[in-house]
Amino acid sequence: MAPVALPSRQPRPWCSRVTDDLSFSDLGAADPTTEPFWQACVERRLTVQRCTACGSHQFYPRPLCLSCEATGLEWVDAKGSGTIYSLTTVRIPVSEDLAPPYLLALVDLDEGPRLLTNIEAESAGIGDRVTVAWRRRDGLPPLPVFRLSAG
């Protein structure tokens, strides 16, 4: 039987190369598709796209509907609440802007889209209800993150 390589605790070279230039300053660079989202973040409003043809909601910003491929999309305010679908603790640093450990989750927004985000809590679980909060960033739009809902 051939020897099996065990996982190393050292960062993988490909991982380091991919994340060398990763910075929160990259989040918030507006283009025609994302500019309305970031402008809403400045106003501390969480927005998602809604298709004017089929009515489905989606996030992250795209130029066409994922459900019917129509290009008629409008921005609508989300309630800012949802449920944790999946959760992990990040223990390896990938950016100078965010020191591990921290919680990273897929949150199912009440409107339907699933959003990748940080959970600002010591611990959380799948199925927990969360509410949007805003992480300040110098010279950049605030970043939507989530906290556990009260009650």
Foldseek 3Di string as FASTA:
>chain_A
DDDDDDDDPDDDPVLCVVLVPDDCVVVFPDDVQCVVQLVVLLVPFHKWKAAPPPGATEDDTDQADPPPRHRRIDIDTFPQKFFFADKDFDQDDRYPVDHDGFMWTFTQGPRGYTDIATEPDPDDDGGFMWGWDWADDPPGRTDTHIYGDDD
